[in-house]
């Protein structure tokens, strides 16, 4: 019985190791041996340019050889869609405000639980975090968002328990 349980445990460990190795092989952008994978670059959407939109629309109309009636119908459909989108965007803004209010309430409740000592430690942790964010943003401003090594701030140490 004992040999059987050891064999099952060994098989489980071997299977887990193989799955873990396979998962690591699927990472397309690896760092050096023993390092974490390098994060993929993030592509940011460009700002909306009305002139470019008009050019694309004209090109679109010409390639499809749209009639005036089709153009008018497309314009009406686009306006209806825009109105629907405006309503959704307004709803999203209201939800964001509700989320912020809940987060602020949670923050106040959290801070009410802490002792004065813990609040001071928390304040220092927040200041350190803001400084690291500022340094990161300054570095990104100098090199641009896609250049240079991305160094993430070290994780914040947990607050020690007091007895």
C-alpha atoms as a PDB file:
ATOM      1  CA  UNK A   1       0.000   0.000   0.000  1.00  0.00           C
ATOM      2  CA  UNK A   2       2.805   2.376   0.921  1.00  0.00           C
ATOM      3  CA  UNK A   3       4.676   1.648  -2.349  1.00  0.00           C
ATOM      4  CA  UNK A   4       1.513   2.362  -4.301  1.00  0.00           C
ATOM      5  CA  UNK A   5       0.939   5.745  -2.630  1.00  0.00           C
ATOM      6  CA  UNK A   6       4.582   6.688  -3.233  1.00  0.00           C
ATOM      7  CA  UNK A   7       4.225   5.711  -6.903  1.00  0.00           C
ATOM      8  CA  UNK A   8       1.056   7.806  -7.248  1.00  0.00           C
ATOM      9  CA  UNK A   9       2.768  10.772  -5.594  1.00  0.00           C
ATOM     10  CA  UNK A  10       5.802  10.453  -7.879  1.00  0.00           C
ATOM     11  CA  UNK A  11       3.552  10.228 -10.946  1.00  0.00           C
ATOM     12  CA  UNK A  12       1.705  13.344  -9.846  1.00  0.00           C
ATOM     13  CA  UNK A  13       4.962  15.249  -9.327  1.00  0.00           C
ATOM     14  CA  UNK A  14       6.263  14.126 -12.738  1.00  0.00           C
ATOM     15  CA  UNK A  15       3.010  15.139 -14.431  1.00  0.00           C
ATOM     16  CA  UNK A  16       2.993  18.543 -12.720  1.00  0.00           C
ATOM     17  CA  UNK A  17       6.636  19.137 -13.668  1.00  0.00           C
ATOM     18  CA  UNK A  18       5.932  18.276 -17.321  1.00  0.00           C
ATOM     19  CA  UNK A  19       2.897  20.558 -17.418  1.00  0.00           C
ATOM     20  CA  UNK A  20       4.855  23.386 -15.828  1.00  0.00           C
ATOM     21  CA  UNK A  21       7.746  22.951 -18.291  1.00  0.00           C
ATOM     22  CA  UNK A  22       5.306  22.889 -21.227  1.00  0.00           C
ATOM     23  CA  UNK A  23       3.626  26.051 -19.979  1.00  0.00           C
ATOM     24  CA  UNK A  24       7.005  27.781 -19.711  1.00  0.00           C
ATOM     25  CA  UNK A  25       7.928  26.737 -23.263  1.00  0.00           C
ATOM     26  CA  UNK A  26       4.801  28.464 -24.569  1.00  0.00           C
ATOM     27  CA  UNK A  27       6.061  31.840 -23.332  1.00  0.00           C
ATOM     28  CA  UNK A  28       7.187  33.563 -26.515  1.00  0.00           C
ATOM     29  CA  UNK A  29       9.320  36.275 -25.003  1.00  0.00           C
ATOM     30  CA  UNK A  30      11.722  34.759 -22.443  1.00  0.00           C
ATOM     31  CA  UNK A  31      14.382  36.429 -20.370  1.00  0.00           C
ATOM     32  CA  UNK A  32      17.761  34.889 -19.635  1.00  0.00           C
ATOM     33  CA  UNK A  33      18.022  31.530 -17.914  1.00  0.00           C
ATOM     34  CA  UNK A  34      16.623  31.715 -14.406  1.00  0.00           C
ATOM     35  CA  UNK A  35      14.805  35.010 -14.991  1.00  0.00           C
ATOM     36  CA  UNK A  36      11.146  35.757 -15.336  1.00  0.00           C
ATOM     37  CA  UNK A  37       9.757  36.138 -18.882  1.00  0.00           C
ATOM     38  CA  UNK A  38      10.128  39.619 -20.342  1.00  0.00           C
ATOM     39  CA  UNK A  39       6.712  41.324 -20.590  1.00  0.00           C
ATOM     40  CA  UNK A  40       5.336  41.749 -24.087  1.00  0.00           C
ATOM     41  CA  UNK A  41       5.223  45.268 -25.470  1.00  0.00           C
ATOM     42  CA  UNK A  42       1.878  46.992 -25.180  1.00  0.00           C
ATOM     43  CA  UNK A  43       0.522  48.745 -28.252  1.00  0.00           C
ATOM     44  CA  UNK A  44      -1.382  51.884 -27.473  1.00  0.00           C
ATOM     45  CA  UNK A  45      -4.192  53.149 -29.651  1.00  0.00           C
ATOM     46  CA  UNK A  46      -3.420  56.307 -31.557  1.00  0.00           C
ATOM     47  CA  UNK A  47      -5.435  59.428 -30.917  1.00  0.00           C
ATOM     48  CA  UNK A  48      -8.444  59.943 -33.153  1.00  0.00           C
ATOM     49  CA  UNK A  49      -7.631  62.174 -36.110  1.00  0.00           C
ATOM     50  CA  UNK A  50     -10.746  63.451 -37.969  1.00  0.00           C
ATOM     51  CA  UNK A  51      -8.748  64.208 -41.121  1.00  0.00           C
ATOM     52  CA  UNK A  52      -7.517  60.636 -41.343  1.00  0.00           C
ATOM     53  CA  UNK A  53     -11.031  59.354 -40.686  1.00  0.00           C
ATOM     54  CA  UNK A  54     -12.380  61.452 -43.588  1.00  0.00           C
ATOM     55  CA  UNK A  55      -9.635  60.165 -45.893  1.00  0.00           C
ATOM     56  CA  UNK A  56     -10.375  56.562 -44.944  1.00  0.00           C
ATOM     57  CA  UNK A  57     -14.106  57.119 -45.452  1.00  0.00           C
ATOM     58  CA  UNK A  58     -13.572  58.593 -48.922  1.00  0.00           C
ATOM     59  CA  UNK A  59     -11.301  55.699 -49.853  1.00  0.00           C
ATOM     60  CA  UNK A  60     -13.872  53.264 -48.469  1.00  0.00           C
ATOM     61  CA  UNK A  61     -16.676  54.860 -50.496  1.00  0.00           C
ATOM     62  CA  UNK A  62     -14.622  54.839 -53.691  1.00  0.00           C
ATOM     63  CA  UNK A  63     -13.492  51.227 -53.399  1.00  0.00           C
ATOM     64  CA  UNK A  64     -17.033  50.006 -52.697  1.00  0.00           C
ATOM     65  CA  UNK A  65     -18.507  52.393 -55.281  1.00  0.00           C
ATOM     66  CA  UNK A  66     -21.312  53.409 -52.937  1.00  0.00           C
ATOM     67  CA  UNK A  67     -24.318  55.218 -54.318  1.00  0.00           C
ATOM     68  CA  UNK A  68     -25.563  58.463 -52.757  1.00  0.00           C
ATOM     69  CA  UNK A  69     -28.524  56.575 -51.261  1.00  0.00           C
ATOM     70  CA  UNK A  70     -26.173  54.039 -49.657  1.00  0.00           C
ATOM     71  CA  UNK A  71     -23.960  56.813 -48.320  1.00  0.00           C
ATOM     72  CA  UNK A  72     -26.982  58.522 -46.752  1.00  0.00           C
ATOM     73  CA  UNK A  73     -28.223  55.287 -45.207  1.00  0.00           C
ATOM     74  CA  UNK A  74     -24.752  54.537 -43.792  1.00  0.00           C
ATOM     75  CA  UNK A  75     -24.588  58.053 -42.347  1.00  0.00           C
ATOM     76  CA  UNK A  76     -27.977  57.633 -40.617  1.00  0.00           C
ATOM     77  CA  UNK A  77     -26.960  54.247 -39.206  1.00  0.00           C
ATOM     78  CA  UNK A  78     -23.698  55.734 -37.954  1.00  0.00           C
ATOM     79  CA  UNK A  79     -25.523  58.585 -36.204  1.00  0.00           C
ATOM     80  CA  UNK A  80     -27.935  56.142 -34.514  1.00  0.00           C
ATOM     81  CA  UNK A  81     -25.009  54.035 -33.344  1.00  0.00           C
ATOM     82  CA  UNK A  82     -23.218  57.110 -32.028  1.00  0.00           C
ATOM     83  CA  UNK A  83     -26.268  58.066 -29.951  1.00  0.00           C
ATOM     84  CA  UNK A  84     -26.451  54.557 -28.486  1.00  0.00           C
ATOM     85  CA  UNK A  85     -22.742  54.683 -27.689  1.00  0.00           C
ATOM     86  CA  UNK A  86     -23.128  58.052 -25.947  1.00  0.00           C
ATOM     87  CA  UNK A  87     -25.732  56.526 -23.622  1.00  0.00           C
ATOM     88  CA  UNK A  88     -23.463  53.587 -22.826  1.00  0.00           C
ATOM     89  CA  UNK A  89     -20.505  55.903 -22.170  1.00  0.00           C
ATOM     90  CA  UNK A  90     -22.623  57.944 -19.749  1.00  0.00           C
ATOM     91  CA  UNK A  91     -23.637  54.749 -17.945  1.00  0.00           C
ATOM     92  CA  UNK A  92     -19.973  53.727 -17.726  1.00  0.00           C
ATOM     93  CA  UNK A  93     -19.086  57.114 -16.216  1.00  0.00           C
ATOM     94  CA  UNK A  94     -21.784  56.695 -13.560  1.00  0.00           C
ATOM     95  CA  UNK A  95     -20.528  53.196 -12.757  1.00  0.00           C
ATOM     96  CA  UNK A  96     -16.962  54.501 -12.475  1.00  0.00           C
ATOM     97  CA  UNK A  97     -18.138  57.131  -9.991  1.00  0.00           C
ATOM     98  CA  UNK A  98     -19.931  54.443  -7.971  1.00  0.00           C
ATOM     99  CA  UNK A  99     -16.803  52.274  -7.996  1.00  0.00           C
ATOM    100  CA  UNK A 100     -14.680  55.193  -6.787  1.00  0.00           C
ATOM    101  CA  UNK A 101     -17.126  55.903  -3.960  1.00  0.00           C
ATOM    102  CA  UNK A 102     -17.069  52.258  -2.851  1.00  0.00           C
ATOM    103  CA  UNK A 103     -13.261  52.182  -2.984  1.00  0.00           C
ATOM    104  CA  UNK A 104     -13.030  55.394  -0.951  1.00  0.00           C
ATOM    105  CA  UNK A 105     -15.461  54.007   1.637  1.00  0.00           C
ATOM    106  CA  UNK A 106     -13.414  50.786   1.824  1.00  0.00           C
ATOM    107  CA  UNK A 107     -10.219  52.811   2.286  1.00  0.00           C
ATOM    108  CA  UNK A 108     -11.754  54.797   5.164  1.00  0.00           C
ATOM    109  CA  UNK A 109     -12.997  51.609   6.849  1.00  0.00           C
ATOM    110  CA  UNK A 110      -9.565  50.003   6.418  1.00  0.00           C
ATOM    111  CA  UNK A 111      -7.766  52.989   7.921  1.00  0.00           C
ATOM    112  CA  UNK A 112     -10.232  53.103  10.824  1.00  0.00           C
ATOM    113  CA  UNK A 113      -9.137  49.573  11.790  1.00  0.00           C
ATOM    114  CA  UNK A 114      -5.424  50.461  11.864  1.00  0.00           C
ATOM    115  CA  UNK A 115      -3.536  51.746  14.874  1.00  0.00           C
ATOM    116  CA  UNK A 116      -1.673  55.075  14.668  1.00  0.00           C
ATOM    117  CA  UNK A 117       1.602  53.164  14.272  1.00  0.00           C
ATOM    118  CA  UNK A 118       0.198  51.122  11.412  1.00  0.00           C
ATOM    119  CA  UNK A 119      -1.161  54.266   9.766  1.00  0.00           C
ATOM    120  CA  UNK A 120       2.333  55.796   9.825  1.00  0.00           C
ATOM    121  CA  UNK A 121       3.807  52.650   8.264  1.00  0.00           C
ATOM    122  CA  UNK A 122       1.069  52.683   5.635  1.00  0.00           C
ATOM    123  CA  UNK A 123       1.756  56.345   4.873  1.00  0.00           C
ATOM    124  CA  UNK A 124       5.478  55.617   4.366  1.00  0.00           C
ATOM    125  CA  UNK A 125       4.648  52.653   2.142  1.00  0.00           C
ATOM    126  CA  UNK A 126       2.368  54.808   0.009  1.00  0.00           C
ATOM    127  CA  UNK A 127       5.003  57.543  -0.274  1.00  0.00           C
ATOM    128  CA  UNK A 128       7.615  54.984  -1.366  1.00  0.00           C
ATOM    129  CA  UNK A 129       5.209  53.549  -3.921  1.00  0.00           C
ATOM    130  CA  UNK A 130       4.405  57.003  -5.321  1.00  0.00           C
ATOM    131  CA  UNK A 131       8.126  57.782  -5.572  1.00  0.00           C
ATOM    132  CA  UNK A 132       8.749  54.560  -7.523  1.00  0.00           C
ATOM    133  CA  UNK A 133       5.844  55.341  -9.840  1.00  0.00           C
ATOM    134  CA  UNK A 134       7.198  58.853 -10.391  1.00  0.00           C
ATOM    135  CA  UNK A 135      10.663  57.469 -11.173  1.00  0.00           C
ATOM    136  CA  UNK A 136       9.145  54.962 -13.580  1.00  0.00           C
ATOM    137  CA  UNK A 137       7.122  57.667 -15.347  1.00  0.00           C
ATOM    138  CA  UNK A 138      10.163  59.932 -15.561  1.00  0.00           C
ATOM    139  CA  UNK A 139      12.165  57.117 -17.121  1.00  0.00           C
ATOM    140  CA  UNK A 140       9.375  56.360 -19.593  1.00  0.00           C
ATOM    141  CA  UNK A 141       9.120  60.036 -20.518  1.00  0.00           C
ATOM    142  CA  UNK A 142      12.796  60.142 -21.408  1.00  0.00           C
ATOM    143  CA  UNK A 143      12.923  56.912 -23.393  1.00  0.00           C
ATOM    144  CA  UNK A 144       9.347  56.564 -24.600  1.00  0.00           C
ATOM    145  CA  UNK A 145       6.878  53.846 -23.611  1.00  0.00           C
ATOM    146  CA  UNK A 146       8.452  51.024 -25.653  1.00  0.00           C
ATOM    147  CA  UNK A 147      12.184  51.563 -25.186  1.00  0.00           C
ATOM    148  CA  UNK A 148      14.554  50.406 -22.509  1.00  0.00           C
ATOM    149  CA  UNK A 149      14.176  47.798 -19.838  1.00  0.00           C
ATOM    150  CA  UNK A 150      10.992  47.835 -17.832  1.00  0.00           C
ATOM    151  CA  UNK A 151      11.836  47.715 -14.147  1.00  0.00           C
ATOM    152  CA  UNK A 152       8.873  47.131 -11.942  1.00  0.00           C
ATOM    153  CA  UNK A 153       8.815  48.471  -8.388  1.00  0.00           C
ATOM    154  CA  UNK A 154       9.558  45.870  -5.744  1.00  0.00           C
ATOM    155  CA  UNK A 155       6.501  44.489  -3.972  1.00  0.00           C
ATOM    156  CA  UNK A 156       5.463  46.241  -0.770  1.00  0.00           C
ATOM    157  CA  UNK A 157       6.380  44.360   2.389  1.00  0.00           C
ATOM    158  CA  UNK A 158       3.380  43.306   4.487  1.00  0.00           C
ATOM    159  CA  UNK A 159       2.686  45.139   7.730  1.00  0.00           C
ATOM    160  CA  UNK A 160       4.199  43.126  10.608  1.00  0.00           C
ATOM    161  CA  UNK A 161       1.688  41.682  13.004  1.00  0.00           C
ATOM    162  CA  UNK A 162       1.709  43.128  16.502  1.00  0.00           C
ATOM    163  CA  UNK A 163       0.726  41.016  19.491  1.00  0.00           C
END
